[in-house]
């Protein structure tokens, strides 16, 4: 995909699969909601989650966002990145509000959602994924039936 196509694709999609390295060496895959900030994917999760424990040991992740149900419609992006864990409550709260604005109607979250985010923030971390390599993308719709 071109850079504008990739930006549009990430804006359309709703879930990123985050692969971390488990303590036993096996990949640990988990889906998360995300936003894009200045070209970087961000997510949040519980501070005591397995993925955070994995990231505290090894900050390398592989991210995948994909779409399509038939081969000729498959498209997606894979990003190898380093995760930065943000624990500051103000940063986590601001990110949570941004996340719920994206997954709501795009506006300011309702007061009850804002209260939920503020209550959840002390238990969570914001995850910033800093690309270590250029993304790899694919769009089978461009194959023109030759697959």
C-alpha atoms as a PDB file:
ATOM      1  CA  UNK A   1       0.000   0.000   0.000  1.00  0.00           C
ATOM      2  CA  UNK A   2       1.039   3.567  -0.515  1.00  0.00           C
ATOM      3  CA  UNK A   3       1.455   5.744   2.586  1.00  0.00           C
ATOM      4  CA  UNK A   4      -1.964   7.406   2.082  1.00  0.00           C
ATOM      5  CA  UNK A   5      -3.596   4.003   1.498  1.00  0.00           C
ATOM      6  CA  UNK A   6      -1.962   2.639   4.641  1.00  0.00           C
ATOM      7  CA  UNK A   7      -3.117   5.634   6.709  1.00  0.00           C
ATOM      8  CA  UNK A   8      -6.663   5.209   5.380  1.00  0.00           C
ATOM      9  CA  UNK A   9      -6.600   1.477   6.062  1.00  0.00           C
ATOM     10  CA  UNK A  10      -5.484   1.964   9.679  1.00  0.00           C
ATOM     11  CA  UNK A  11      -8.166   4.603  10.139  1.00  0.00           C
ATOM     12  CA  UNK A  12     -10.845   2.164   8.883  1.00  0.00           C
ATOM     13  CA  UNK A  13      -9.842  -0.848  10.959  1.00  0.00           C
ATOM     14  CA  UNK A  14     -10.597  -1.391  14.631  1.00  0.00           C
ATOM     15  CA  UNK A  15      -8.304  -4.098  16.005  1.00  0.00           C
ATOM     16  CA  UNK A  16      -4.556  -4.654  16.081  1.00  0.00           C
ATOM     17  CA  UNK A  17      -3.144  -8.052  17.004  1.00  0.00           C
ATOM     18  CA  UNK A  18      -0.096  -7.575  19.219  1.00  0.00           C
ATOM     19  CA  UNK A  19       2.498 -10.359  19.373  1.00  0.00           C
ATOM     20  CA  UNK A  20       4.902 -10.326  22.322  1.00  0.00           C
ATOM     21  CA  UNK A  21       7.490 -12.905  23.354  1.00  0.00           C
ATOM     22  CA  UNK A  22       6.200 -15.059  26.200  1.00  0.00           C
ATOM     23  CA  UNK A  23       8.437 -16.169  29.078  1.00  0.00           C
ATOM     24  CA  UNK A  24       8.545 -19.648  27.548  1.00  0.00           C
ATOM     25  CA  UNK A  25       9.634 -18.358  24.126  1.00  0.00           C
ATOM     26  CA  UNK A  26       6.239 -18.846  22.495  1.00  0.00           C
ATOM     27  CA  UNK A  27       4.545 -15.882  20.801  1.00  0.00           C
ATOM     28  CA  UNK A  28       1.739 -14.343  22.855  1.00  0.00           C
ATOM     29  CA  UNK A  29      -0.942 -12.845  20.563  1.00  0.00           C
ATOM     30  CA  UNK A  30      -3.651 -10.508  21.806  1.00  0.00           C
ATOM     31  CA  UNK A  31      -6.120  -8.217  20.005  1.00  0.00           C
ATOM     32  CA  UNK A  32      -6.392  -4.600  21.150  1.00  0.00           C
ATOM     33  CA  UNK A  33      -8.233  -1.462  20.115  1.00  0.00           C
ATOM     34  CA  UNK A  34      -5.840   1.218  18.903  1.00  0.00           C
ATOM     35  CA  UNK A  35      -5.398   4.769  17.698  1.00  0.00           C
ATOM     36  CA  UNK A  36      -2.797   6.253  15.403  1.00  0.00           C
ATOM     37  CA  UNK A  37      -0.807   9.202  16.767  1.00  0.00           C
ATOM     38  CA  UNK A  38       1.706  10.842  14.448  1.00  0.00           C
ATOM     39  CA  UNK A  39       1.939   7.652  12.401  1.00  0.00           C
ATOM     40  CA  UNK A  40       2.443   5.363  15.446  1.00  0.00           C
ATOM     41  CA  UNK A  41      -0.061   2.876  16.764  1.00  0.00           C
ATOM     42  CA  UNK A  42      -1.031   3.251  20.436  1.00  0.00           C
ATOM     43  CA  UNK A  43      -3.187   0.991  22.612  1.00  0.00           C
ATOM     44  CA  UNK A  44      -3.891   0.478  26.299  1.00  0.00           C
ATOM     45  CA  UNK A  45      -4.154  -2.576  28.477  1.00  0.00           C
ATOM     46  CA  UNK A  46      -4.132  -3.635  32.105  1.00  0.00           C
ATOM     47  CA  UNK A  47      -0.773  -2.989  33.764  1.00  0.00           C
ATOM     48  CA  UNK A  48      -0.775  -6.491  35.248  1.00  0.00           C
ATOM     49  CA  UNK A  49      -1.570  -8.261  31.957  1.00  0.00           C
ATOM     50  CA  UNK A  50       0.639 -10.953  30.504  1.00  0.00           C
ATOM     51  CA  UNK A  51       1.494  -8.786  27.513  1.00  0.00           C
ATOM     52  CA  UNK A  52       2.853  -6.058  29.821  1.00  0.00           C
ATOM     53  CA  UNK A  53       4.913  -8.611  31.736  1.00  0.00           C
ATOM     54  CA  UNK A  54       6.270  -9.816  28.405  1.00  0.00           C
ATOM     55  CA  UNK A  55       7.073  -6.253  27.307  1.00  0.00           C
ATOM     56  CA  UNK A  56       8.882  -5.518  30.556  1.00  0.00           C
ATOM     57  CA  UNK A  57      11.262  -8.379  29.653  1.00  0.00           C
ATOM     58  CA  UNK A  58      11.479  -7.691  25.924  1.00  0.00           C
ATOM     59  CA  UNK A  59       9.972  -4.584  24.331  1.00  0.00           C
ATOM     60  CA  UNK A  60       9.899  -6.040  20.800  1.00  0.00           C
ATOM     61  CA  UNK A  61       6.472  -6.597  19.279  1.00  0.00           C
ATOM     62  CA  UNK A  62       5.009  -7.519  15.950  1.00  0.00           C
ATOM     63  CA  UNK A  63       1.711  -5.842  15.133  1.00  0.00           C
ATOM     64  CA  UNK A  64      -0.800  -6.947  12.532  1.00  0.00           C
ATOM     65  CA  UNK A  65      -3.926  -5.231  11.294  1.00  0.00           C
ATOM     66  CA  UNK A  66      -5.792  -7.128   8.598  1.00  0.00           C
ATOM     67  CA  UNK A  67      -9.061  -7.237   6.708  1.00  0.00           C
ATOM     68  CA  UNK A  68     -10.806  -9.418   4.152  1.00  0.00           C
ATOM     69  CA  UNK A  69     -12.691 -12.685   4.143  1.00  0.00           C
ATOM     70  CA  UNK A  70     -11.741 -14.050   0.727  1.00  0.00           C
ATOM     71  CA  UNK A  71      -8.242 -14.363  -0.725  1.00  0.00           C
ATOM     72  CA  UNK A  72      -8.817 -11.728  -3.388  1.00  0.00           C
ATOM     73  CA  UNK A  73      -9.895  -9.219  -0.714  1.00  0.00           C
ATOM     74  CA  UNK A  74      -7.105  -9.761   1.850  1.00  0.00           C
ATOM     75  CA  UNK A  75      -5.202  -6.676   2.900  1.00  0.00           C
ATOM     76  CA  UNK A  76      -3.209  -5.723   5.910  1.00  0.00           C
ATOM     77  CA  UNK A  77      -0.078  -4.387   7.500  1.00  0.00           C
ATOM     78  CA  UNK A  78       2.598  -5.883   9.728  1.00  0.00           C
ATOM     79  CA  UNK A  79       4.832  -3.656  11.842  1.00  0.00           C
ATOM     80  CA  UNK A  80       7.891  -4.701  13.816  1.00  0.00           C
ATOM     81  CA  UNK A  81       8.150  -2.227  16.680  1.00  0.00           C
ATOM     82  CA  UNK A  82       9.427  -1.500  20.154  1.00  0.00           C
ATOM     83  CA  UNK A  83       6.795  -0.849  22.794  1.00  0.00           C
ATOM     84  CA  UNK A  84       7.051   2.048  25.196  1.00  0.00           C
ATOM     85  CA  UNK A  85       5.009   1.628  28.358  1.00  0.00           C
ATOM     86  CA  UNK A  86       3.435   4.835  29.652  1.00  0.00           C
ATOM     87  CA  UNK A  87       2.318   4.593  33.280  1.00  0.00           C
ATOM     88  CA  UNK A  88       1.731   8.267  34.107  1.00  0.00           C
ATOM     89  CA  UNK A  89      -1.962   8.519  35.060  1.00  0.00           C
ATOM     90  CA  UNK A  90      -2.473  11.748  33.098  1.00  0.00           C
ATOM     91  CA  UNK A  91      -0.969  10.217  29.951  1.00  0.00           C
ATOM     92  CA  UNK A  92      -2.976   7.010  30.353  1.00  0.00           C
ATOM     93  CA  UNK A  93      -6.206   8.927  31.037  1.00  0.00           C
ATOM     94  CA  UNK A  94      -5.727  11.212  28.031  1.00  0.00           C
ATOM     95  CA  UNK A  95      -5.035   8.219  25.830  1.00  0.00           C
ATOM     96  CA  UNK A  96      -8.062   6.319  27.176  1.00  0.00           C
ATOM     97  CA  UNK A  97     -10.303   9.273  26.389  1.00  0.00           C
ATOM     98  CA  UNK A  98      -8.831   9.461  22.882  1.00  0.00           C
ATOM     99  CA  UNK A  99      -9.379   5.734  22.400  1.00  0.00           C
ATOM    100  CA  UNK A 100     -13.006   5.851  23.498  1.00  0.00           C
ATOM    101  CA  UNK A 101     -13.625   8.916  21.342  1.00  0.00           C
ATOM    102  CA  UNK A 102     -12.423   6.900  18.337  1.00  0.00           C
ATOM    103  CA  UNK A 103     -14.523   3.863  19.179  1.00  0.00           C
ATOM    104  CA  UNK A 104     -17.549   5.950  20.102  1.00  0.00           C
ATOM    105  CA  UNK A 105     -19.021   8.525  17.773  1.00  0.00           C
ATOM    106  CA  UNK A 106     -15.735  10.375  17.286  1.00  0.00           C
ATOM    107  CA  UNK A 107     -16.671  13.177  19.651  1.00  0.00           C
ATOM    108  CA  UNK A 108     -16.038  13.791  23.317  1.00  0.00           C
ATOM    109  CA  UNK A 109     -16.887  10.619  25.287  1.00  0.00           C
ATOM    110  CA  UNK A 110     -20.124  10.733  27.310  1.00  0.00           C
ATOM    111  CA  UNK A 111     -19.694  11.640  31.001  1.00  0.00           C
ATOM    112  CA  UNK A 112     -20.183   8.030  32.116  1.00  0.00           C
ATOM    113  CA  UNK A 113     -17.514   6.840  29.662  1.00  0.00           C
ATOM    114  CA  UNK A 114     -15.141   9.570  30.832  1.00  0.00           C
ATOM    115  CA  UNK A 115     -15.737   8.505  34.444  1.00  0.00           C
ATOM    116  CA  UNK A 116     -15.044   4.868  33.497  1.00  0.00           C
ATOM    117  CA  UNK A 117     -11.785   5.839  31.755  1.00  0.00           C
ATOM    118  CA  UNK A 118     -10.650   7.894  34.746  1.00  0.00           C
ATOM    119  CA  UNK A 119     -11.448   4.978  37.078  1.00  0.00           C
ATOM    120  CA  UNK A 120      -9.606   2.503  34.833  1.00  0.00           C
ATOM    121  CA  UNK A 121      -6.499   4.627  34.176  1.00  0.00           C
ATOM    122  CA  UNK A 122      -4.664   3.783  37.441  1.00  0.00           C
ATOM    123  CA  UNK A 123      -4.910   0.081  36.539  1.00  0.00           C
ATOM    124  CA  UNK A 124      -3.725   0.493  32.951  1.00  0.00           C
ATOM    125  CA  UNK A 125      -0.756   1.453  30.818  1.00  0.00           C
ATOM    126  CA  UNK A 126      -0.713   3.196  27.464  1.00  0.00           C
ATOM    127  CA  UNK A 127       1.323   1.335  24.861  1.00  0.00           C
ATOM    128  CA  UNK A 128       3.199   3.319  22.222  1.00  0.00           C
ATOM    129  CA  UNK A 129       4.507   1.206  19.362  1.00  0.00           C
ATOM    130  CA  UNK A 130       7.604   2.753  17.753  1.00  0.00           C
ATOM    131  CA  UNK A 131       8.357   1.143  14.394  1.00  0.00           C
ATOM    132  CA  UNK A 132      11.775  -0.511  14.247  1.00  0.00           C
ATOM    133  CA  UNK A 133      11.458  -1.186  10.510  1.00  0.00           C
ATOM    134  CA  UNK A 134       9.230   0.119   7.727  1.00  0.00           C
ATOM    135  CA  UNK A 135       5.800  -1.542   7.714  1.00  0.00           C
ATOM    136  CA  UNK A 136       5.056  -4.431   5.382  1.00  0.00           C
ATOM    137  CA  UNK A 137       1.637  -4.175   3.760  1.00  0.00           C
ATOM    138  CA  UNK A 138      -0.411  -6.130   1.271  1.00  0.00           C
ATOM    139  CA  UNK A 139      -3.606  -5.574  -0.690  1.00  0.00           C
ATOM    140  CA  UNK A 140      -4.796  -8.543  -2.715  1.00  0.00           C
ATOM    141  CA  UNK A 141      -7.505  -6.379  -4.289  1.00  0.00           C
ATOM    142  CA  UNK A 142      -4.681  -4.984  -6.462  1.00  0.00           C
ATOM    143  CA  UNK A 143      -3.800  -8.428  -7.869  1.00  0.00           C
ATOM    144  CA  UNK A 144      -6.495  -8.178 -10.531  1.00  0.00           C
ATOM    145  CA  UNK A 145      -7.571 -11.788 -10.178  1.00  0.00           C
ATOM    146  CA  UNK A 146      -4.075 -13.182 -10.788  1.00  0.00           C
ATOM    147  CA  UNK A 147      -3.457 -15.251  -7.680  1.00  0.00           C
END
